[in-house]
């Protein structure tokens, strides 16, 4: 069904400070992070390489309902939390799969725990046949999609995906990776006073580890592992959350432009990642990301350098960073205004893609 690489991912401890700092840099108008050197964003290639989820295929959209009581009862054999709700209790889903009481054992690693949990679930599914087996499979997919891919705040699990799970043979045809990005971008647009995001936060962490290594927030652990999320672990920091967020902002304001990794996957072998080759035709396109009622644009035009193309630097001066201009008598002075960038583009879903040219103030 296309979830194999994603389900093999190991747990990544949340870096709450990094996620919060990135959230405070989010520009909701253009759906990009705004840094002193310009815009950056997780792209479709980042999504595929880091999580293994597909970004090509049918859009994750369709009919949504004010109440999901009927499809939840019919397809899952469970109940929603309220009359007008799209949430089911996580514990009820786990209990229906026979893994409600699964707990970490003393000395058991996360990988061992997940392997045991998976084996227990498989044993339960193996005992079922026909409609009962399909019902249990839908319960499992609802747990994966509603809690991990399109995660919600708190303990309940969203079940808006249920109409797409009615025909199990077509589940693997949907662009779940693109839906994850849409859901994540929508969550980043919420108030910065809310700590964390409702979505698959490990994507943002590993994206920052690759593109912003100067932050020093991640530690490589398994070189060559795929998907790439498995190559990293969080370097724990004992300082207070607010102190960590402040330090991350200070580093972002002083990182030399040359230390930003725009194309970190150059030279990366794709032999062990067939999902990359499958979705490569979609990389670099300006598209609309769909996640049911949420539709957001993916603007590669603002981050053409991630595609290996030339793009003039747009410097946004900060309190810590003066304008650095080599070979100029004005080095170290504050600029009268940010440098201009003029960008032209091909068609939205095809053509030659972004073509970036220098602005009138570029030297």
Foldseek 3Di string as FASTA:
>chain_A
DQCVQQLLAFDFDDPLLLQLLQLVQADLVALFGQFQFFTDDQFQLLLCLQRVFFQDFAAQADDFDQACQVLCCVQQVAGAPDRRDQWDAPLVLCVLLVRSPQDDDPPADRSRSSVVSVVSSVVSLVVDDDSSNLNNVLSVVQCCCQPAQLADPDGIGGHRSSVVSPPVVCVSRYRSSLLQRLSQSVQSPDDSVDGDGGGNCLSVVVVCCQFPVVLVQWDADDPPDPSPSNRIHGDDDPDDSVVSNVVSSVCSQPPPPVNGDLARCVVPDCPVNVSCVVRVLQTQAFDWRDNYVGIDIDDCLRSVVSVVADWDTWGDHDPVDADADPPDPCGRHHDPHTADWDWDADDRRDDPGIHTDHDPPDD
